[in-house]
Amino acid sequence: MVTLAILAIVLMIGVPSFQQIIEINKAAAVTNLMARSLVLTRSEAVTRNTRVTMCQIKNPNAENLKCDLTNRYAWSHGWIIFVNPNNDNDIKDDEQLLRVVQQNIANVKIERRASVRNRITYTPMGTAGASRFQVTVGAQRRALIINNPGRLRTCNPDRDNSCNWLD
C-alpha cells in the first residue's frame, strides 16, 4: 500500500515534466524543419541565380499545389519551395517545384507576425525581406527571425527578450 502511494506521488510529479520534455522536443523539431527549409530556399536562390520562394499551403497532398496567401496559420500544414523568376505570389506551371514539406507533428501552431507576408522570397544575392515566425507547442515557443539581408536566426522567446514579438 505504501509502495502504491509512493508510486502515485512519483507519477504525479513525473508525468507533467515528461509532457514538457515532449513539447520542447516537438517545438525544436518543427523549428529545425522550418529553418532547414529556409536555408535551402536561400541556397537555391544563390546557386540558381534567380528568385526562389517558400510559401505556406493548406493541403500538402493536393494534386495542384498553390500558395495560401490568406491564412496566417496555414504554415502549420506545410509549405512549398519553388523557383520563382517572375516574383509573383504563386507557383505557375512553368516554374520548378523544388520541395513540398508536410508538417506532421500534431498540436503545433506556426504563426507569422501579422505584418509579414505569407511567402518568403530570396533573391540571387541571398537577401529577403524581414520576416518573423513563431512555433508553439503547448507552452513551448520558438521563433525564427529573418533579417533584410536574409540571415536566419532562431531563438526562444521565453529566454530572449528580442524574440517577444507576438506577445
N, C-alpha and C. Protein backbone atom coordinates (compact mmCIF):
# COMPACT_ATOMS: atom_id res chain seq x y z
N MET A 1 0.82 -1.19 0.00
CA MET A 1 0.00 0.00 0.00
C MET A 1 0.87 1.26 0.00
N VAL A 2 1.91 1.24 0.81
CA VAL A 2 2.84 2.37 0.86
C VAL A 2 3.55 2.51 -0.49
N THR A 3 3.89 1.36 -1.07
CA THR A 3 4.56 1.37 -2.37
C THR A 3 3.67 2.02 -3.43
N LEU A 4 2.39 1.70 -3.42
CA LEU A 4 1.46 2.31 -4.38
C LEU A 4 1.34 3.81 -4.16
N ALA A 5 1.32 4.23 -2.91
CA ALA A 5 1.23 5.66 -2.61
C ALA A 5 2.47 6.39 -3.11
N ILE A 6 3.64 5.80 -2.89
CA ILE A 6 4.88 6.42 -3.36
C ILE A 6 4.91 6.46 -4.89
N LEU A 7 4.49 5.37 -5.52
CA LEU A 7 4.43 5.32 -6.98
C LEU A 7 3.48 6.38 -7.53
N ALA A 8 2.34 6.56 -6.88
CA ALA A 8 1.38 7.58 -7.32
C ALA A 8 1.98 8.98 -7.20
N ILE A 9 2.69 9.24 -6.14
CA ILE A 9 3.32 10.56 -5.96
C ILE A 9 4.39 10.80 -7.03
N VAL A 10 5.22 9.78 -7.29
CA VAL A 10 6.26 9.90 -8.30
C VAL A 10 5.64 10.15 -9.68
N LEU A 11 4.56 9.45 -10.00
CA LEU A 11 3.90 9.65 -11.29
C LEU A 11 3.28 11.04 -11.39
N MET A 12 2.71 11.53 -10.30
CA MET A 12 2.11 12.87 -10.31
C MET A 12 3.18 13.93 -10.56
N ILE A 13 4.37 13.71 -10.08
CA ILE A 13 5.46 14.67 -10.28
C ILE A 13 6.08 14.48 -11.66
N GLY A 14 6.27 13.25 -12.07
CA GLY A 14 7.00 12.95 -13.29
C GLY A 14 6.24 13.15 -14.58
N VAL A 15 4.96 12.86 -14.62
CA VAL A 15 4.19 12.94 -15.87
C VAL A 15 4.14 14.37 -16.42
N PRO A 16 3.85 15.39 -15.62
CA PRO A 16 3.85 16.75 -16.19
C PRO A 16 5.21 17.16 -16.75
N SER A 17 6.30 16.81 -16.07
CA SER A 17 7.61 17.19 -16.57
C SER A 17 7.95 16.41 -17.84
N PHE A 18 7.49 15.19 -17.95
CA PHE A 18 7.70 14.41 -19.17
C PHE A 18 6.93 15.03 -20.33
N GLN A 19 5.73 15.52 -20.07
CA GLN A 19 4.94 16.20 -21.09
C GLN A 19 5.67 17.44 -21.58
N GLN A 20 6.31 18.16 -20.66
CA GLN A 20 7.07 19.35 -21.03
C GLN A 20 8.25 18.98 -21.93
N ILE A 21 8.92 17.89 -21.63
CA ILE A 21 10.04 17.43 -22.46
C ILE A 21 9.55 17.10 -23.87
N ILE A 22 8.40 16.46 -23.98
CA ILE A 22 7.83 16.14 -25.29
C ILE A 22 7.54 17.43 -26.06
N GLU A 23 6.95 18.42 -25.40
CA GLU A 23 6.63 19.69 -26.06
C GLU A 23 7.91 20.42 -26.50
N ILE A 24 8.94 20.40 -25.67
CA ILE A 24 10.21 21.03 -26.03
C ILE A 24 10.78 20.38 -27.28
N ASN A 25 10.76 19.06 -27.32
CA ASN A 25 11.30 18.34 -28.47
C ASN A 25 10.48 18.57 -29.74
N LYS A 26 9.16 18.62 -29.63
CA LYS A 26 8.31 18.89 -30.79
C LYS A 26 8.58 20.30 -31.33
N ALA A 27 8.66 21.28 -30.43
CA ALA A 27 8.92 22.65 -30.86
C ALA A 27 10.28 22.75 -31.55
N ALA A 28 11.28 22.09 -31.01
CA ALA A 28 12.61 22.11 -31.62
C ALA A 28 12.60 21.42 -32.99
N ALA A 29 11.89 20.31 -33.10
CA ALA A 29 11.83 19.57 -34.37
C ALA A 29 11.19 20.41 -35.47
N VAL A 30 10.07 21.05 -35.17
CA VAL A 30 9.38 21.86 -36.17
C VAL A 30 10.20 23.10 -36.53
N THR A 31 10.80 23.72 -35.52
CA THR A 31 11.64 24.89 -35.77
C THR A 31 12.81 24.51 -36.68
N ASN A 32 13.43 23.38 -36.41
CA ASN A 32 14.55 22.93 -37.24
C ASN A 32 14.10 22.60 -38.66
N LEU A 33 12.92 22.00 -38.81
CA LEU A 33 12.39 21.69 -40.13
C LEU A 33 12.18 22.97 -40.94
N MET A 34 11.60 23.97 -40.30
CA MET A 34 11.36 25.22 -40.99
C MET A 34 12.68 25.94 -41.29
N ALA A 35 13.61 25.90 -40.35
CA ALA A 35 14.91 26.55 -40.57
C ALA A 35 15.66 25.89 -41.73
N ARG A 36 15.65 24.56 -41.79
CA ARG A 36 16.31 23.85 -42.90
C ARG A 36 15.68 24.24 -44.24
N SER A 37 14.36 24.39 -44.25
CA SER A 37 13.67 24.78 -45.48
C SER A 37 14.05 26.20 -45.90
N LEU A 38 14.17 27.10 -44.95
CA LEU A 38 14.56 28.48 -45.27
C LEU A 38 16.00 28.54 -45.78
N VAL A 39 16.87 27.76 -45.17
CA VAL A 39 18.27 27.70 -45.62
C VAL A 39 18.33 27.13 -47.04
N LEU A 40 17.55 26.09 -47.31
CA LEU A 40 17.50 25.51 -48.66
C LEU A 40 17.01 26.55 -49.67
N THR A 41 15.96 27.29 -49.31
CA THR A 41 15.40 28.30 -50.20
C THR A 41 16.46 29.34 -50.55
N ARG A 42 17.17 29.81 -49.56
CA ARG A 42 18.21 30.82 -49.79
C ARG A 42 19.35 30.24 -50.64
N SER A 43 19.77 29.04 -50.30
CA SER A 43 20.86 28.40 -51.04
C SER A 43 20.51 28.19 -52.51
N GLU A 44 19.29 27.74 -52.77
CA GLU A 44 18.85 27.52 -54.16
C GLU A 44 18.77 28.83 -54.93
N ALA A 45 18.36 29.91 -54.28
CA ALA A 45 18.30 31.21 -54.95
C ALA A 45 19.69 31.67 -55.38
N VAL A 46 20.66 31.50 -54.51
CA VAL A 46 22.03 31.89 -54.83
C VAL A 46 22.63 30.97 -55.89
N THR A 47 22.45 29.66 -55.72
CA THR A 47 23.02 28.69 -56.65
C THR A 47 22.43 28.83 -58.05
N ARG A 48 21.13 29.02 -58.14
CA ARG A 48 20.46 29.11 -59.44
C ARG A 48 20.48 30.52 -60.03
N ASN A 49 20.92 31.48 -59.23
CA ASN A 49 20.98 32.88 -59.65
C ASN A 49 19.61 33.40 -60.10
N THR A 50 18.58 33.05 -59.32
CA THR A 50 17.23 33.51 -59.58
C THR A 50 16.46 33.53 -58.26
N ARG A 51 15.30 34.12 -58.29
CA ARG A 51 14.47 34.16 -57.08
C ARG A 51 13.89 32.78 -56.79
N VAL A 52 13.89 32.42 -55.50
CA VAL A 52 13.27 31.17 -55.04
C VAL A 52 12.36 31.53 -53.87
N THR A 53 11.16 30.97 -53.88
CA THR A 53 10.13 31.32 -52.90
C THR A 53 9.74 30.11 -52.06
N MET A 54 9.46 30.38 -50.80
CA MET A 54 8.86 29.40 -49.89
C MET A 54 7.54 30.00 -49.43
N CYS A 55 6.44 29.25 -49.63
CA CYS A 55 5.14 29.77 -49.22
C CYS A 55 4.33 28.68 -48.52
N GLN A 56 3.39 29.11 -47.72
CA GLN A 56 2.53 28.19 -46.98
C GLN A 56 1.47 27.60 -47.90
N ILE A 57 1.04 26.38 -47.57
CA ILE A 57 -0.01 25.71 -48.33
C ILE A 57 -1.03 25.12 -47.36
N LYS A 58 -2.26 25.01 -47.83
CA LYS A 58 -3.31 24.42 -46.99
C LYS A 58 -3.22 22.91 -46.96
N ASN A 59 -2.97 22.32 -48.12
CA ASN A 59 -3.00 20.87 -48.23
C ASN A 59 -1.79 20.37 -49.01
N PRO A 60 -0.77 19.85 -48.30
CA PRO A 60 0.42 19.37 -49.00
C PRO A 60 0.17 18.13 -49.86
N ASN A 61 -0.99 17.49 -49.72
CA ASN A 61 -1.31 16.31 -50.50
C ASN A 61 -2.14 16.64 -51.74
N ALA A 62 -2.45 17.90 -51.94
CA ALA A 62 -3.26 18.30 -53.08
C ALA A 62 -2.51 18.05 -54.39
N GLU A 63 -3.26 17.75 -55.42
CA GLU A 63 -2.66 17.50 -56.73
C GLU A 63 -2.11 18.79 -57.34
N ASN A 64 -2.84 19.88 -57.18
CA ASN A 64 -2.45 21.17 -57.73
C ASN A 64 -2.06 22.09 -56.57
N LEU A 65 -0.78 22.13 -56.23
CA LEU A 65 -0.31 22.90 -55.08
C LEU A 65 -0.33 24.39 -55.39
N LYS A 66 -0.89 25.15 -54.47
CA LYS A 66 -0.93 26.61 -54.59
C LYS A 66 -0.59 27.21 -53.24
N CYS A 67 0.02 28.39 -53.28
CA CYS A 67 0.32 29.10 -52.04
C CYS A 67 -0.98 29.59 -51.41
N ASP A 68 -1.06 29.50 -50.10
CA ASP A 68 -2.20 30.05 -49.37
C ASP A 68 -1.78 31.44 -48.89
N LEU A 69 -2.28 32.45 -49.56
CA LEU A 69 -1.87 33.82 -49.25
C LEU A 69 -2.86 34.54 -48.35
N THR A 70 -3.81 33.82 -47.79
CA THR A 70 -4.85 34.47 -46.99
C THR A 70 -4.80 34.12 -45.51
N ASN A 71 -4.30 32.97 -45.17
CA ASN A 71 -4.40 32.47 -43.80
C ASN A 71 -3.04 32.56 -43.12
N ARG A 72 -2.93 33.30 -42.03
CA ARG A 72 -1.63 33.44 -41.38
C ARG A 72 -1.22 32.21 -40.60
N TYR A 73 -2.09 31.21 -40.46
CA TYR A 73 -1.77 30.00 -39.72
C TYR A 73 -1.55 28.78 -40.61
N ALA A 74 -1.63 28.94 -41.92
CA ALA A 74 -1.51 27.78 -42.82
C ALA A 74 -0.11 27.18 -42.82
N TRP A 75 0.89 27.89 -42.30
CA TRP A 75 2.23 27.33 -42.21
C TRP A 75 2.21 26.03 -41.41
N SER A 76 1.27 25.87 -40.51
CA SER A 76 1.19 24.66 -39.68
C SER A 76 0.89 23.42 -40.50
N HIS A 77 0.34 23.58 -41.70
CA HIS A 77 0.03 22.44 -42.57
C HIS A 77 1.24 22.02 -43.40
N GLY A 78 2.02 22.99 -43.81
CA GLY A 78 3.18 22.71 -44.64
C GLY A 78 3.49 23.87 -45.56
N TRP A 79 4.49 23.67 -46.43
CA TRP A 79 4.90 24.71 -47.35
C TRP A 79 5.57 24.10 -48.57
N ILE A 80 5.70 24.94 -49.60
CA ILE A 80 6.40 24.52 -50.80
C ILE A 80 7.54 25.49 -51.07
N ILE A 81 8.55 24.98 -51.77
CA ILE A 81 9.68 25.80 -52.21
C ILE A 81 9.75 25.65 -53.72
N PHE A 82 9.80 26.79 -54.42
CA PHE A 82 9.79 26.74 -55.88
C PHE A 82 10.61 27.87 -56.48
N VAL A 83 11.13 27.63 -57.68
CA VAL A 83 11.84 28.65 -58.44
C VAL A 83 10.80 29.66 -58.91
N ASN A 84 11.07 30.95 -58.66
CA ASN A 84 10.08 31.99 -58.90
C ASN A 84 10.71 33.19 -59.61
N PRO A 85 11.16 33.02 -60.86
CA PRO A 85 11.88 34.11 -61.53
C PRO A 85 11.05 35.37 -61.76
N ASN A 86 9.73 35.23 -61.89
CA ASN A 86 8.89 36.41 -62.13
C ASN A 86 8.41 37.07 -60.84
N ASN A 87 8.76 36.50 -59.68
CA ASN A 87 8.48 37.07 -58.36
C ASN A 87 6.99 37.39 -58.16
N ASP A 88 6.13 36.49 -58.63
CA ASP A 88 4.71 36.69 -58.38
C ASP A 88 4.34 35.97 -57.07
N ASN A 89 3.09 35.91 -56.77
CA ASN A 89 2.65 35.38 -55.48
C ASN A 89 2.40 33.89 -55.43
N ASP A 90 2.59 33.19 -56.54
CA ASP A 90 2.24 31.78 -56.53
C ASP A 90 3.05 31.01 -57.57
N ILE A 91 3.04 29.70 -57.42
CA ILE A 91 3.75 28.83 -58.36
C ILE A 91 2.91 28.68 -59.63
N LYS A 92 3.59 28.76 -60.77
CA LYS A 92 2.94 28.60 -62.07
C LYS A 92 3.40 27.29 -62.69
N ASP A 93 2.72 26.86 -63.74
CA ASP A 93 3.05 25.59 -64.39
C ASP A 93 4.48 25.53 -64.92
N ASP A 94 5.01 26.69 -65.33
CA ASP A 94 6.35 26.70 -65.91
C ASP A 94 7.45 26.91 -64.85
N GLU A 95 7.09 26.99 -63.58
CA GLU A 95 8.07 27.19 -62.51
C GLU A 95 8.35 25.86 -61.81
N GLN A 96 9.61 25.62 -61.53
CA GLN A 96 10.04 24.34 -60.97
C GLN A 96 9.75 24.24 -59.48
N LEU A 97 9.04 23.20 -59.10
CA LEU A 97 8.79 22.89 -57.70
C LEU A 97 10.02 22.16 -57.15
N LEU A 98 10.63 22.70 -56.10
CA LEU A 98 11.84 22.12 -55.53
C LEU A 98 11.55 21.20 -54.36
N ARG A 99 10.56 21.55 -53.55
CA ARG A 99 10.30 20.74 -52.36
C ARG A 99 8.89 21.00 -51.85
N VAL A 100 8.25 19.93 -51.38
CA VAL A 100 6.98 20.02 -50.67
C VAL A 100 7.26 19.53 -49.26
N VAL A 101 6.94 20.34 -48.27
CA VAL A 101 7.18 19.97 -46.87
C VAL A 101 5.84 19.86 -46.16
N GLN A 102 5.60 18.69 -45.63
CA GLN A 102 4.38 18.47 -44.86
C GLN A 102 4.77 18.40 -43.39
N GLN A 103 4.19 19.27 -42.60
CA GLN A 103 4.46 19.30 -41.18
C GLN A 103 3.50 18.33 -40.51
N ASN A 104 4.02 17.23 -39.97
CA ASN A 104 3.17 16.14 -39.46
C ASN A 104 3.04 16.07 -37.95
N ILE A 105 3.63 16.97 -37.23
CA ILE A 105 3.57 16.89 -35.77
C ILE A 105 2.27 17.53 -35.30
N ALA A 106 1.51 16.80 -34.51
CA ALA A 106 0.19 17.27 -34.06
C ALA A 106 0.31 18.39 -33.04
N ASN A 107 -0.73 19.19 -32.96
CA ASN A 107 -0.86 20.26 -31.97
C ASN A 107 0.25 21.31 -32.06
N VAL A 108 0.68 21.60 -33.27
CA VAL A 108 1.71 22.61 -33.50
C VAL A 108 1.06 23.79 -34.20
N LYS A 109 1.40 24.99 -33.75
CA LYS A 109 0.93 26.20 -34.42
C LYS A 109 2.16 26.96 -34.90
N ILE A 110 2.22 27.21 -36.20
CA ILE A 110 3.28 28.05 -36.76
C ILE A 110 2.60 29.34 -37.19
N GLU A 111 2.98 30.41 -36.56
CA GLU A 111 2.31 31.69 -36.75
C GLU A 111 3.31 32.71 -37.28
N ARG A 112 2.88 33.46 -38.25
CA ARG A 112 3.72 34.55 -38.72
C ARG A 112 3.23 35.84 -38.09
N ARG A 113 4.13 36.77 -37.96
CA ARG A 113 3.73 38.07 -37.45
C ARG A 113 2.74 38.68 -38.42
N ALA A 114 1.73 39.37 -37.92
CA ALA A 114 0.63 39.86 -38.76
C ALA A 114 1.11 40.73 -39.91
N SER A 115 2.21 41.45 -39.74
CA SER A 115 2.68 42.35 -40.80
C SER A 115 3.56 41.65 -41.82
N VAL A 116 3.78 40.37 -41.67
CA VAL A 116 4.70 39.64 -42.56
C VAL A 116 3.92 38.92 -43.64
N ARG A 117 4.51 38.83 -44.80
CA ARG A 117 3.90 38.16 -45.94
C ARG A 117 3.69 36.67 -45.67
N ASN A 118 2.90 36.04 -46.52
CA ASN A 118 2.67 34.59 -46.42
C ASN A 118 3.64 33.82 -47.29
N ARG A 119 4.68 34.48 -47.74
CA ARG A 119 5.71 33.83 -48.52
C ARG A 119 7.04 34.51 -48.23
N ILE A 120 8.11 33.78 -48.44
CA ILE A 120 9.46 34.32 -48.30
C ILE A 120 10.14 34.12 -49.64
N THR A 121 10.63 35.18 -50.23
CA THR A 121 11.34 35.07 -51.50
C THR A 121 12.77 35.56 -51.31
N TYR A 122 13.70 34.68 -51.63
CA TYR A 122 15.12 35.04 -51.60
C TYR A 122 15.55 35.44 -53.00
N THR A 123 16.39 36.46 -53.08
CA THR A 123 16.94 36.93 -54.35
C THR A 123 18.22 36.17 -54.67
N PRO A 124 18.75 36.33 -55.89
CA PRO A 124 20.02 35.67 -56.23
C PRO A 124 21.19 36.09 -55.33
N MET A 125 21.05 37.23 -54.66
CA MET A 125 22.09 37.69 -53.74
C MET A 125 21.90 37.10 -52.34
N GLY A 126 20.84 36.33 -52.13
CA GLY A 126 20.58 35.71 -50.83
C GLY A 126 19.84 36.61 -49.86
N THR A 127 19.30 37.71 -50.35
CA THR A 127 18.56 38.63 -49.48
C THR A 127 17.07 38.31 -49.52
N ALA A 128 16.39 38.72 -48.46
CA ALA A 128 14.93 38.55 -48.36
C ALA A 128 14.41 39.65 -47.45
N GLY A 129 13.15 39.98 -47.59
CA GLY A 129 12.56 40.94 -46.67
C GLY A 129 12.47 40.34 -45.27
N ALA A 130 12.51 41.21 -44.28
CA ALA A 130 12.45 40.75 -42.89
C ALA A 130 11.16 39.97 -42.63
N SER A 131 11.28 38.87 -41.92
CA SER A 131 10.14 38.02 -41.61
C SER A 131 10.32 37.42 -40.23
N ARG A 132 9.22 37.12 -39.57
CA ARG A 132 9.27 36.51 -38.24
C ARG A 132 8.17 35.47 -38.12
N PHE A 133 8.54 34.34 -37.52
CA PHE A 133 7.60 33.25 -37.29
C PHE A 133 7.73 32.80 -35.84
N GLN A 134 6.66 32.24 -35.34
CA GLN A 134 6.70 31.63 -34.02
C GLN A 134 6.10 30.23 -34.08
N VAL A 135 6.81 29.26 -33.55
CA VAL A 135 6.35 27.89 -33.43
C VAL A 135 5.90 27.69 -32.00
N THR A 136 4.68 27.19 -31.81
CA THR A 136 4.15 26.97 -30.47
C THR A 136 3.65 25.54 -30.34
N VAL A 137 4.10 24.87 -29.29
CA VAL A 137 3.62 23.54 -28.93
C VAL A 137 3.33 23.58 -27.44
N GLY A 138 2.04 23.56 -27.09
CA GLY A 138 1.68 23.69 -25.68
C GLY A 138 2.19 25.01 -25.15
N ALA A 139 3.01 24.97 -24.11
CA ALA A 139 3.58 26.19 -23.52
C ALA A 139 4.95 26.54 -24.10
N GLN A 140 5.45 25.71 -25.00
CA GLN A 140 6.79 25.92 -25.56
C GLN A 140 6.71 26.76 -26.82
N ARG A 141 7.59 27.76 -26.91
CA ARG A 141 7.63 28.63 -28.08
C ARG A 141 9.06 28.74 -28.60
N ARG A 142 9.17 28.83 -29.92
CA ARG A 142 10.44 29.08 -30.59
C ARG A 142 10.17 30.10 -31.69
N ALA A 143 11.14 30.93 -31.97
CA ALA A 143 10.98 31.96 -33.00
C ALA A 143 12.02 31.77 -34.09
N LEU A 144 11.62 32.09 -35.32
CA LEU A 144 12.53 32.14 -36.46
C LEU A 144 12.47 33.56 -36.99
N ILE A 145 13.61 34.20 -37.08
CA ILE A 145 13.67 35.60 -37.49
C ILE A 145 14.63 35.73 -38.67
N ILE A 146 14.13 36.32 -39.76
CA ILE A 146 14.94 36.57 -40.95
C ILE A 146 15.12 38.07 -41.06
N ASN A 147 16.37 38.54 -41.14
CA ASN A 147 16.59 39.97 -41.31
C ASN A 147 16.59 40.32 -42.80
N ASN A 148 16.65 41.60 -43.13
CA ASN A 148 16.58 42.03 -44.53
C ASN A 148 17.68 41.44 -45.41
N PRO A 149 18.92 41.32 -44.92
CA PRO A 149 19.93 40.68 -45.76
C PRO A 149 19.71 39.16 -45.94
N GLY A 150 18.72 38.58 -45.28
CA GLY A 150 18.38 37.18 -45.47
C GLY A 150 18.91 36.23 -44.42
N ARG A 151 19.61 36.75 -43.42
CA ARG A 151 20.17 35.89 -42.38
C ARG A 151 19.06 35.39 -41.46
N LEU A 152 19.09 34.10 -41.19
CA LEU A 152 18.11 33.45 -40.32
C LEU A 152 18.70 33.23 -38.94
N ARG A 153 17.90 33.46 -37.93
CA ARG A 153 18.29 33.07 -36.58
C ARG A 153 17.07 32.51 -35.87
N THR A 154 17.32 31.59 -34.97
CA THR A 154 16.24 31.03 -34.16
C THR A 154 16.52 31.40 -32.71
N CYS A 155 15.46 31.52 -31.95
CA CYS A 155 15.63 31.87 -30.54
C CYS A 155 14.41 31.41 -29.75
N ASN A 156 14.55 31.45 -28.45
CA ASN A 156 13.49 31.05 -27.54
C ASN A 156 12.90 32.31 -26.91
N PRO A 157 11.66 32.67 -27.24
CA PRO A 157 11.06 33.89 -26.70
C PRO A 157 10.96 33.90 -25.17
N ASP A 158 10.98 32.73 -24.56
CA ASP A 158 10.90 32.67 -23.10
C ASP A 158 12.24 32.97 -22.43
N ARG A 159 13.31 32.96 -23.21
CA ARG A 159 14.65 33.22 -22.66
C ARG A 159 15.31 34.46 -23.23
N ASP A 160 14.84 34.90 -24.41
CA ASP A 160 15.48 36.00 -25.13
C ASP A 160 14.43 37.07 -25.42
N ASN A 161 14.56 38.23 -24.81
CA ASN A 161 13.56 39.30 -24.97
C ASN A 161 13.46 39.83 -26.38
N SER A 162 14.51 39.65 -27.19
CA SER A 162 14.44 40.14 -28.57
C SER A 162 13.50 39.29 -29.42
N CYS A 163 13.03 38.17 -28.87
CA CYS A 163 12.13 37.28 -29.61
C CYS A 163 10.65 37.56 -29.30
N ASN A 164 10.35 38.34 -28.31
CA ASN A 164 8.96 38.50 -27.87
C ASN A 164 8.20 39.48 -28.76
N TRP A 165 7.93 39.08 -29.98
CA TRP A 165 7.26 39.94 -30.94
C TRP A 165 5.81 39.59 -31.16
N LEU A 166 5.36 38.44 -30.66
CA LEU A 166 3.94 38.08 -30.81
C LEU A 166 3.15 38.26 -29.52
N ASP A 167 3.81 38.65 -28.48
CA ASP A 167 3.12 38.80 -27.18
C ASP A 167 2.20 39.99 -27.17
